[in-house]
Amino acid sequence: MFLARPRKPLGRAVGHRRHGTVAVVVSDIVPLRPAPDGLLKDTVSQWHAFWRSPTAAVVQWERDGQAVCRLFQLYDEEARLTRAVRRRRWVPGSTGQPTLSPLHGERRAVRAEIRQLEDRFGLNPKAAAGLGISLGGLKKTMDELNREANERDDDEDTDDPRLSVAR
């Protein structure tokens, strides 16, 4: 018969078991930053929505401000390229044949840069999980998170039948 070792409490775990979810406490007030100049109305609306979202709480303006501005400038550029491509999808090629507008390639490159920045800031569920950000628990206070962790530890100690056999 094989008896597995009981799990260590979270505070005593070492090595690869230590990596878990980072709890981010969001204050209700995140300063609304002015949008970069020259953005389209829709992009400015997205900017304001971003700064009202829980994700904005993990952004440190001094460290991340330029990258956030660049992300929204890229959103703006992608919107402009999409409009231009819709107006003129086909252009004459070198011998007069219809060919796909080169703006398609530009738009593809801009979208790739957008995805990279979105991943860095955890702006999609997979990227958030990869960064260890739990967006569902952002509104919990540290007291609530500690209480839940202590309750889990207490439950694990009493419900684990291996502990009574191992003693």
N, C-alpha and C. Protein backbone atom coordinates (compact mmCIF):
# COMPACT_ATOMS: atom_id res chain seq x y z
N MET A 1 0.84 -1.18 0.00
CA MET A 1 0.00 0.00 0.00
C MET A 1 0.89 1.25 0.00
N PHE A 2 0.52 2.21 -0.82
CA PHE A 2 1.29 3.44 -0.96
C PHE A 2 0.54 4.58 -0.31
N LEU A 3 1.19 5.29 0.58
CA LEU A 3 0.59 6.47 1.20
C LEU A 3 1.30 7.71 0.68
N ALA A 4 0.52 8.63 0.14
CA ALA A 4 1.09 9.88 -0.38
C ALA A 4 1.34 10.83 0.78
N ARG A 5 2.32 11.67 0.60
CA ARG A 5 2.61 12.68 1.62
C ARG A 5 1.50 13.72 1.64
N PRO A 6 1.16 14.23 2.80
CA PRO A 6 0.19 15.33 2.85
C PRO A 6 0.83 16.60 2.27
N ARG A 7 -0.01 17.44 1.70
CA ARG A 7 0.48 18.69 1.12
C ARG A 7 0.94 19.63 2.21
N LYS A 8 2.00 20.38 1.90
CA LYS A 8 2.47 21.39 2.84
C LYS A 8 1.55 22.60 2.78
N PRO A 9 1.44 23.32 3.88
CA PRO A 9 0.69 24.58 3.82
C PRO A 9 1.34 25.53 2.81
N LEU A 10 0.55 26.41 2.24
CA LEU A 10 1.04 27.29 1.17
C LEU A 10 2.27 28.09 1.58
N GLY A 11 2.35 28.51 2.82
CA GLY A 11 3.48 29.32 3.27
C GLY A 11 4.77 28.53 3.37
N ARG A 12 4.69 27.20 3.48
CA ARG A 12 5.88 26.37 3.63
C ARG A 12 6.27 25.64 2.36
N ALA A 13 5.49 25.77 1.30
CA ALA A 13 5.79 25.08 0.04
C ALA A 13 7.06 25.64 -0.57
N VAL A 14 7.85 24.78 -1.19
CA VAL A 14 9.09 25.21 -1.82
C VAL A 14 9.15 24.69 -3.25
N GLY A 15 10.04 25.27 -4.03
CA GLY A 15 10.23 24.78 -5.40
C GLY A 15 9.10 25.14 -6.32
N HIS A 16 8.79 24.22 -7.24
CA HIS A 16 7.81 24.50 -8.28
C HIS A 16 6.39 24.63 -7.75
N ARG A 17 6.13 24.17 -6.56
CA ARG A 17 4.78 24.24 -6.00
C ARG A 17 4.44 25.63 -5.48
N ARG A 18 5.43 26.47 -5.43
CA ARG A 18 5.23 27.80 -4.88
C ARG A 18 4.46 28.73 -5.79
N HIS A 19 4.54 28.48 -7.07
CA HIS A 19 3.93 29.40 -8.03
C HIS A 19 2.42 29.29 -7.96
N GLY A 20 1.78 30.38 -7.71
CA GLY A 20 0.32 30.38 -7.63
C GLY A 20 -0.23 31.64 -8.25
N THR A 21 -1.44 31.93 -7.91
CA THR A 21 -2.12 33.10 -8.44
C THR A 21 -1.79 34.30 -7.58
N VAL A 22 -1.53 35.41 -8.22
CA VAL A 22 -1.25 36.65 -7.52
C VAL A 22 -2.57 37.35 -7.25
N ALA A 23 -2.79 37.71 -6.01
CA ALA A 23 -4.00 38.44 -5.67
C ALA A 23 -3.71 39.93 -5.81
N VAL A 24 -4.49 40.62 -6.60
CA VAL A 24 -4.31 42.04 -6.82
C VAL A 24 -5.48 42.76 -6.17
N VAL A 25 -5.17 43.65 -5.26
CA VAL A 25 -6.22 44.42 -4.59
C VAL A 25 -6.42 45.70 -5.37
N VAL A 26 -7.63 45.91 -5.81
CA VAL A 26 -7.94 47.06 -6.64
C VAL A 26 -8.60 48.13 -5.77
N SER A 27 -8.04 49.30 -5.79
CA SER A 27 -8.72 50.40 -5.12
C SER A 27 -9.81 50.90 -6.06
N ASP A 28 -10.82 51.47 -5.50
CA ASP A 28 -11.94 51.94 -6.32
C ASP A 28 -11.56 53.16 -7.15
N ILE A 29 -10.45 53.82 -6.81
CA ILE A 29 -10.09 55.04 -7.51
C ILE A 29 -8.76 54.83 -8.23
N VAL A 30 -8.83 54.75 -9.56
CA VAL A 30 -7.63 54.71 -10.39
C VAL A 30 -7.65 56.01 -11.18
N PRO A 31 -6.57 56.77 -11.13
CA PRO A 31 -6.60 58.07 -11.81
C PRO A 31 -6.79 57.90 -13.32
N LEU A 32 -7.69 58.70 -13.85
CA LEU A 32 -7.95 58.69 -15.30
C LEU A 32 -6.88 59.52 -15.97
N ARG A 33 -6.10 58.88 -16.81
CA ARG A 33 -5.01 59.55 -17.50
C ARG A 33 -5.53 60.21 -18.78
N PRO A 34 -4.96 61.35 -19.16
CA PRO A 34 -5.38 61.97 -20.43
C PRO A 34 -4.92 61.12 -21.61
N ALA A 35 -5.79 60.98 -22.59
CA ALA A 35 -5.48 60.19 -23.78
C ALA A 35 -4.41 60.90 -24.60
N PRO A 36 -3.57 60.13 -25.29
CA PRO A 36 -2.58 60.75 -26.19
C PRO A 36 -3.26 61.60 -27.26
N ASP A 37 -2.58 62.60 -27.74
CA ASP A 37 -3.14 63.50 -28.76
C ASP A 37 -3.32 62.79 -30.09
N GLY A 38 -4.35 63.23 -30.83
CA GLY A 38 -4.54 62.77 -32.20
C GLY A 38 -5.28 61.46 -32.36
N LEU A 39 -5.85 60.91 -31.29
CA LEU A 39 -6.58 59.64 -31.40
C LEU A 39 -8.00 59.87 -31.91
N LEU A 40 -8.54 58.87 -32.59
CA LEU A 40 -9.94 58.90 -33.02
C LEU A 40 -10.85 58.87 -31.80
N LYS A 41 -12.09 59.32 -31.98
CA LYS A 41 -13.06 59.34 -30.87
C LYS A 41 -13.25 57.95 -30.26
N ASP A 42 -13.37 56.94 -31.12
CA ASP A 42 -13.57 55.57 -30.62
C ASP A 42 -12.38 55.11 -29.79
N THR A 43 -11.19 55.47 -30.21
CA THR A 43 -10.00 55.06 -29.47
C THR A 43 -9.92 55.78 -28.13
N VAL A 44 -10.33 57.04 -28.11
CA VAL A 44 -10.37 57.78 -26.84
C VAL A 44 -11.37 57.13 -25.89
N SER A 45 -12.50 56.68 -26.41
CA SER A 45 -13.49 55.98 -25.58
C SER A 45 -12.91 54.69 -25.02
N GLN A 46 -12.16 53.96 -25.84
CA GLN A 46 -11.50 52.74 -25.37
C GLN A 46 -10.48 53.06 -24.28
N TRP A 47 -9.77 54.16 -24.46
CA TRP A 47 -8.77 54.60 -23.47
C TRP A 47 -9.44 54.82 -22.12
N HIS A 48 -10.54 55.56 -22.12
CA HIS A 48 -11.24 55.85 -20.87
C HIS A 48 -11.80 54.56 -20.25
N ALA A 49 -12.32 53.66 -21.08
CA ALA A 49 -12.84 52.38 -20.57
C ALA A 49 -11.71 51.57 -19.93
N PHE A 50 -10.54 51.59 -20.54
CA PHE A 50 -9.40 50.88 -19.97
C PHE A 50 -9.08 51.40 -18.58
N TRP A 51 -9.03 52.71 -18.41
CA TRP A 51 -8.65 53.28 -17.11
C TRP A 51 -9.74 53.12 -16.05
N ARG A 52 -10.96 52.78 -16.48
CA ARG A 52 -12.02 52.48 -15.52
C ARG A 52 -12.08 50.99 -15.19
N SER A 53 -11.32 50.17 -15.90
CA SER A 53 -11.38 48.72 -15.71
C SER A 53 -10.46 48.27 -14.57
N PRO A 54 -10.70 47.08 -14.01
CA PRO A 54 -9.82 46.56 -12.96
C PRO A 54 -8.38 46.33 -13.44
N THR A 55 -8.20 46.08 -14.71
CA THR A 55 -6.87 45.84 -15.24
C THR A 55 -5.96 47.05 -15.06
N ALA A 56 -6.52 48.24 -15.10
CA ALA A 56 -5.71 49.46 -14.98
C ALA A 56 -5.02 49.54 -13.63
N ALA A 57 -5.54 48.85 -12.64
CA ALA A 57 -4.94 48.91 -11.30
C ALA A 57 -3.57 48.27 -11.26
N VAL A 58 -3.25 47.38 -12.18
CA VAL A 58 -1.94 46.74 -12.18
C VAL A 58 -0.91 47.51 -13.00
N VAL A 59 -1.34 48.59 -13.65
CA VAL A 59 -0.44 49.40 -14.47
C VAL A 59 0.19 50.48 -13.60
N GLN A 60 1.50 50.53 -13.61
CA GLN A 60 2.22 51.61 -12.93
C GLN A 60 2.60 52.63 -13.99
N TRP A 61 2.04 53.80 -13.90
CA TRP A 61 2.19 54.80 -14.95
C TRP A 61 3.65 55.14 -15.23
N GLU A 62 4.46 55.30 -14.18
CA GLU A 62 5.86 55.67 -14.38
C GLU A 62 6.60 54.60 -15.17
N ARG A 63 6.28 53.34 -14.93
CA ARG A 63 6.96 52.24 -15.59
C ARG A 63 6.31 51.88 -16.93
N ASP A 64 4.97 51.87 -16.97
CA ASP A 64 4.24 51.33 -18.11
C ASP A 64 3.56 52.36 -18.99
N GLY A 65 3.63 53.63 -18.61
CA GLY A 65 2.87 54.66 -19.32
C GLY A 65 3.14 54.75 -20.81
N GLN A 66 4.41 54.70 -21.19
CA GLN A 66 4.74 54.80 -22.61
C GLN A 66 4.21 53.61 -23.40
N ALA A 67 4.29 52.42 -22.80
CA ALA A 67 3.80 51.23 -23.49
C ALA A 67 2.28 51.25 -23.63
N VAL A 68 1.58 51.75 -22.61
CA VAL A 68 0.12 51.85 -22.69
C VAL A 68 -0.27 52.86 -23.77
N CYS A 69 0.43 53.99 -23.81
CA CYS A 69 0.16 54.98 -24.87
C CYS A 69 0.42 54.38 -26.24
N ARG A 70 1.52 53.65 -26.38
CA ARG A 70 1.85 53.01 -27.65
C ARG A 70 0.77 52.01 -28.05
N LEU A 71 0.25 51.25 -27.07
CA LEU A 71 -0.81 50.29 -27.36
C LEU A 71 -2.05 50.99 -27.94
N PHE A 72 -2.44 52.09 -27.35
CA PHE A 72 -3.64 52.78 -27.85
C PHE A 72 -3.36 53.52 -29.15
N GLN A 73 -2.15 53.96 -29.37
CA GLN A 73 -1.81 54.53 -30.67
C GLN A 73 -1.86 53.44 -31.74
N LEU A 74 -1.46 52.22 -31.39
CA LEU A 74 -1.55 51.11 -32.32
C LEU A 74 -3.01 50.73 -32.59
N TYR A 75 -3.85 50.75 -31.53
CA TYR A 75 -5.28 50.52 -31.74
C TYR A 75 -5.83 51.53 -32.75
N ASP A 76 -5.42 52.78 -32.56
CA ASP A 76 -5.88 53.85 -33.44
C ASP A 76 -5.41 53.63 -34.87
N GLU A 77 -4.14 53.27 -35.03
CA GLU A 77 -3.58 53.02 -36.36
C GLU A 77 -4.29 51.85 -37.03
N GLU A 78 -4.58 50.81 -36.26
CA GLU A 78 -5.28 49.64 -36.81
C GLU A 78 -6.68 50.03 -37.29
N ALA A 79 -7.36 50.88 -36.56
CA ALA A 79 -8.69 51.33 -36.97
C ALA A 79 -8.61 52.15 -38.26
N ARG A 80 -7.61 53.01 -38.37
CA ARG A 80 -7.44 53.80 -39.59
C ARG A 80 -7.10 52.93 -40.79
N LEU A 81 -6.22 51.94 -40.58
CA LEU A 81 -5.86 51.02 -41.66
C LEU A 81 -7.08 50.20 -42.11
N THR A 82 -7.88 49.77 -41.15
CA THR A 82 -9.08 49.00 -41.49
C THR A 82 -10.03 49.83 -42.33
N ARG A 83 -10.21 51.09 -41.98
CA ARG A 83 -11.06 51.98 -42.78
C ARG A 83 -10.53 52.13 -44.20
N ALA A 84 -9.21 52.32 -44.31
CA ALA A 84 -8.60 52.50 -45.64
C ALA A 84 -8.72 51.23 -46.48
N VAL A 85 -8.54 50.08 -45.86
CA VAL A 85 -8.64 48.81 -46.59
C VAL A 85 -10.08 48.59 -47.06
N ARG A 86 -11.02 48.96 -46.24
CA ARG A 86 -12.43 48.79 -46.64
C ARG A 86 -12.79 49.71 -47.81
N ARG A 87 -12.20 50.89 -47.83
CA ARG A 87 -12.48 51.82 -48.93
C ARG A 87 -11.87 51.33 -50.24
N ARG A 88 -10.69 50.75 -50.15
CA ARG A 88 -10.01 50.34 -51.38
C ARG A 88 -9.24 49.04 -51.13
N ARG A 89 -9.96 47.94 -51.22
CA ARG A 89 -9.38 46.62 -50.96
C ARG A 89 -8.41 46.20 -52.07
N TRP A 90 -8.75 46.49 -53.30
CA TRP A 90 -7.94 46.10 -54.46
C TRP A 90 -7.33 47.33 -55.10
N VAL A 91 -6.08 47.21 -55.51
CA VAL A 91 -5.37 48.29 -56.19
C VAL A 91 -4.74 47.72 -57.46
N PRO A 92 -4.43 48.57 -58.43
CA PRO A 92 -3.77 48.05 -59.63
C PRO A 92 -2.35 47.59 -59.33
N GLY A 93 -2.00 46.41 -59.84
CA GLY A 93 -0.65 45.88 -59.68
C GLY A 93 0.32 46.49 -60.68
N SER A 94 1.53 45.96 -60.73
CA SER A 94 2.58 46.53 -61.60
C SER A 94 2.25 46.41 -63.08
N THR A 95 1.46 45.41 -63.44
CA THR A 95 1.08 45.27 -64.87
C THR A 95 -0.39 45.60 -65.08
N GLY A 96 -0.98 46.26 -64.10
CA GLY A 96 -2.37 46.68 -64.24
C GLY A 96 -3.38 45.68 -63.70
N GLN A 97 -2.94 44.50 -63.27
CA GLN A 97 -3.87 43.51 -62.73
C GLN A 97 -4.33 43.93 -61.33
N PRO A 98 -5.54 43.54 -60.94
CA PRO A 98 -5.98 43.87 -59.58
C PRO A 98 -5.18 43.04 -58.56
N THR A 99 -4.69 43.72 -57.55
CA THR A 99 -3.94 43.05 -56.49
C THR A 99 -4.40 43.58 -55.14
N LEU A 100 -4.25 42.77 -54.14
CA LEU A 100 -4.66 43.14 -52.78
C LEU A 100 -3.83 44.34 -52.30
N SER A 101 -4.48 45.27 -51.65
CA SER A 101 -3.82 46.48 -51.17
C SER A 101 -2.68 46.13 -50.21
N PRO A 102 -1.55 46.80 -50.32
CA PRO A 102 -0.43 46.55 -49.39
C PRO A 102 -0.77 46.95 -47.95
N LEU A 103 -1.86 47.68 -47.79
CA LEU A 103 -2.27 48.06 -46.43
C LEU A 103 -2.68 46.84 -45.61
N HIS A 104 -3.06 45.74 -46.28
CA HIS A 104 -3.37 44.51 -45.55
C HIS A 104 -2.16 44.04 -44.75
N GLY A 105 -1.00 44.08 -45.36
CA GLY A 105 0.22 43.66 -44.68
C GLY A 105 0.57 44.57 -43.52
N GLU A 106 0.37 45.87 -43.74
CA GLU A 106 0.62 46.84 -42.67
C GLU A 106 -0.31 46.58 -41.49
N ARG A 107 -1.57 46.33 -41.79
CA ARG A 107 -2.55 46.07 -40.73
C ARG A 107 -2.19 44.80 -39.97
N ARG A 108 -1.74 43.78 -40.68
CA ARG A 108 -1.33 42.53 -40.03
C ARG A 108 -0.16 42.77 -39.07
N ALA A 109 0.80 43.59 -39.48
CA ALA A 109 1.96 43.90 -38.63
C ALA A 109 1.54 44.67 -37.38
N VAL A 110 0.62 45.63 -37.56
CA VAL A 110 0.13 46.41 -36.42
C VAL A 110 -0.62 45.50 -35.45
N ARG A 111 -1.42 44.60 -35.98
CA ARG A 111 -2.16 43.67 -35.11
C ARG A 111 -1.21 42.76 -34.32
N ALA A 112 -0.10 42.37 -34.92
CA ALA A 112 0.87 41.54 -34.21
C ALA A 112 1.49 42.31 -33.03
N GLU A 113 1.80 43.58 -33.26
CA GLU A 113 2.34 44.41 -32.17
C GLU A 113 1.30 44.60 -31.08
N ILE A 114 0.04 44.79 -31.46
CA ILE A 114 -1.04 44.95 -30.49
C ILE A 114 -1.13 43.70 -29.62
N ARG A 115 -1.11 42.52 -30.24
CA ARG A 115 -1.21 41.27 -29.47
C ARG A 115 -0.06 41.15 -28.47
N GLN A 116 1.13 41.53 -28.87
CA GLN A 116 2.27 41.45 -27.95
C GLN A 116 2.06 42.35 -26.73
N LEU A 117 1.62 43.57 -26.96
CA LEU A 117 1.40 44.49 -25.84
C LEU A 117 0.22 44.04 -24.98
N GLU A 118 -0.83 43.52 -25.61
CA GLU A 118 -1.96 43.01 -24.83
C GLU A 118 -1.53 41.86 -23.93
N ASP A 119 -0.65 41.01 -24.46
CA ASP A 119 -0.15 39.91 -23.64
C ASP A 119 0.70 40.41 -22.47
N ARG A 120 1.48 41.44 -22.70
CA ARG A 120 2.31 41.99 -21.62
C ARG A 120 1.47 42.56 -20.49
N PHE A 121 0.33 43.14 -20.84
CA PHE A 121 -0.51 43.76 -19.82
C PHE A 121 -1.62 42.84 -19.34
N GLY A 122 -1.69 41.62 -19.85
CA GLY A 122 -2.71 40.68 -19.40
C GLY A 122 -4.11 41.09 -19.82
N LEU A 123 -4.25 41.61 -21.04
CA LEU A 123 -5.54 42.13 -21.49
C LEU A 123 -6.43 41.09 -22.16
N ASN A 124 -6.09 39.83 -22.02
CA ASN A 124 -6.98 38.75 -22.45
C ASN A 124 -6.87 37.65 -21.40
N PRO A 125 -7.85 36.77 -21.31
CA PRO A 125 -7.85 35.79 -20.21
C PRO A 125 -6.60 34.91 -20.16
N LYS A 126 -6.12 34.46 -21.31
CA LYS A 126 -4.95 33.59 -21.32
C LYS A 126 -3.71 34.34 -20.82
N ALA A 127 -3.52 35.57 -21.29
CA ALA A 127 -2.37 36.36 -20.86
C ALA A 127 -2.46 36.69 -19.37
N ALA A 128 -3.66 36.99 -18.89
CA ALA A 128 -3.84 37.27 -17.46
C ALA A 128 -3.46 36.06 -16.63
N ALA A 129 -3.90 34.88 -17.06
CA ALA A 129 -3.55 33.65 -16.33
C ALA A 129 -2.05 33.41 -16.39
N GLY A 130 -1.43 33.67 -17.53
CA GLY A 130 0.01 33.49 -17.66
C GLY A 130 0.80 34.42 -16.75
N LEU A 131 0.27 35.59 -16.50
CA LEU A 131 0.93 36.53 -15.60
C LEU A 131 0.58 36.27 -14.14
N GLY A 132 -0.33 35.33 -13.91
CA GLY A 132 -0.74 35.02 -12.54
C GLY A 132 -1.73 36.00 -11.98
N ILE A 133 -2.46 36.68 -12.85
CA ILE A 133 -3.46 37.65 -12.41
C ILE A 133 -4.82 36.98 -12.44
N SER A 134 -5.50 37.01 -11.33
CA SER A 134 -6.85 36.46 -11.25
C SER A 134 -7.83 37.62 -11.31
N LEU A 135 -8.42 37.85 -12.47
CA LEU A 135 -9.32 38.99 -12.63
C LEU A 135 -10.63 38.80 -11.88
N GLY A 136 -11.03 37.57 -11.65
CA GLY A 136 -12.28 37.33 -10.94
C GLY A 136 -12.20 37.73 -9.49
N GLY A 137 -11.02 37.68 -8.91
CA GLY A 137 -10.87 37.98 -7.49
C GLY A 137 -10.32 39.35 -7.21
N LEU A 138 -10.34 40.24 -8.18
CA LEU A 138 -9.73 41.54 -7.99
C LEU A 138 -10.43 42.39 -6.93
N LYS A 139 -11.70 42.18 -6.71
CA LYS A 139 -12.43 43.03 -5.78
C LYS A 139 -12.29 42.57 -4.33
N LYS A 140 -11.70 41.40 -4.10
CA LYS A 140 -11.57 40.89 -2.74
C LYS A 140 -10.48 41.65 -2.00
N THR A 141 -10.70 41.81 -0.72
CA THR A 141 -9.68 42.46 0.09
C THR A 141 -8.67 41.42 0.53
N MET A 142 -7.54 41.86 1.00
CA MET A 142 -6.53 40.94 1.49
C MET A 142 -7.05 40.14 2.68
N ASP A 143 -7.86 40.76 3.55
CA ASP A 143 -8.43 40.02 4.68
C ASP A 143 -9.28 38.86 4.20
N GLU A 144 -10.10 39.10 3.18
CA GLU A 144 -10.94 38.02 2.64
C GLU A 144 -10.09 36.90 2.05
N LEU A 145 -9.04 37.27 1.30
CA LEU A 145 -8.16 36.27 0.70
C LEU A 145 -7.44 35.45 1.77
N ASN A 146 -6.97 36.12 2.84
CA ASN A 146 -6.30 35.40 3.92
C ASN A 146 -7.27 34.48 4.64
N ARG A 147 -8.49 34.95 4.87
CA ARG A 147 -9.49 34.13 5.55
C ARG A 147 -9.79 32.87 4.73
N GLU A 148 -9.96 33.04 3.43
CA GLU A 148 -10.23 31.89 2.56
C GLU A 148 -9.06 30.90 2.57
N ALA A 149 -7.83 31.41 2.53
CA ALA A 149 -6.66 30.53 2.54
C ALA A 149 -6.57 29.76 3.85
N ASN A 150 -6.84 30.44 4.97
CA ASN A 150 -6.80 29.76 6.26
C ASN A 150 -7.90 28.71 6.37
N GLU A 151 -9.08 29.00 5.84
CA GLU A 151 -10.17 28.02 5.87
C GLU A 151 -9.81 26.80 5.04
N ARG A 152 -9.17 27.02 3.88
CA ARG A 152 -8.75 25.89 3.05
C ARG A 152 -7.73 25.03 3.78
N ASP A 153 -6.77 25.68 4.46
CA ASP A 153 -5.76 24.93 5.19
C ASP A 153 -6.39 24.11 6.30
N ASP A 154 -7.36 24.72 7.03
CA ASP A 154 -8.03 24.00 8.11
C ASP A 154 -8.81 22.82 7.57
N ASP A 155 -9.51 23.02 6.45
CA ASP A 155 -10.30 21.95 5.84
C ASP A 155 -9.41 20.81 5.37
N GLU A 156 -8.27 21.15 4.80
CA GLU A 156 -7.37 20.12 4.29
C GLU A 156 -6.83 19.26 5.41
N ASP A 157 -6.53 19.86 6.57
CA ASP A 157 -5.97 19.10 7.67
C ASP A 157 -6.97 18.09 8.23
N THR A 158 -8.24 18.47 8.34
CA THR A 158 -9.24 17.59 8.96
C THR A 158 -9.83 16.60 8.00
N ASP A 159 -9.90 16.92 6.72
CA ASP A 159 -10.55 16.05 5.76
C ASP A 159 -9.60 15.04 5.10
N ASP A 160 -8.34 15.15 5.32
CA ASP A 160 -7.38 14.28 4.65
C ASP A 160 -7.20 12.99 5.46
N PRO A 161 -7.73 11.85 4.96
CA PRO A 161 -7.64 10.60 5.73
C PRO A 161 -6.20 10.11 5.86
N ARG A 162 -5.31 10.57 4.99
CA ARG A 162 -3.92 10.13 5.06
C ARG A 162 -3.24 10.63 6.31
N LEU A 163 -3.69 11.77 6.85
CA LEU A 163 -3.05 12.33 8.02
C LEU A 163 -3.25 11.42 9.24
N SER A 164 -4.41 10.83 9.38
CA SER A 164 -4.65 9.97 10.52
C SER A 164 -3.88 8.67 10.41
N VAL A 165 -3.66 8.16 9.19
CA VAL A 165 -2.92 6.93 8.97
C VAL A 165 -1.43 7.16 9.17
N ALA A 166 -0.94 8.33 8.73
CA ALA A 166 0.49 8.62 8.80
C ALA A 166 0.97 8.85 10.23
N ARG A 167 0.10 9.21 11.14
CA ARG A 167 0.52 9.51 12.52
C ARG A 167 0.68 8.33 13.35
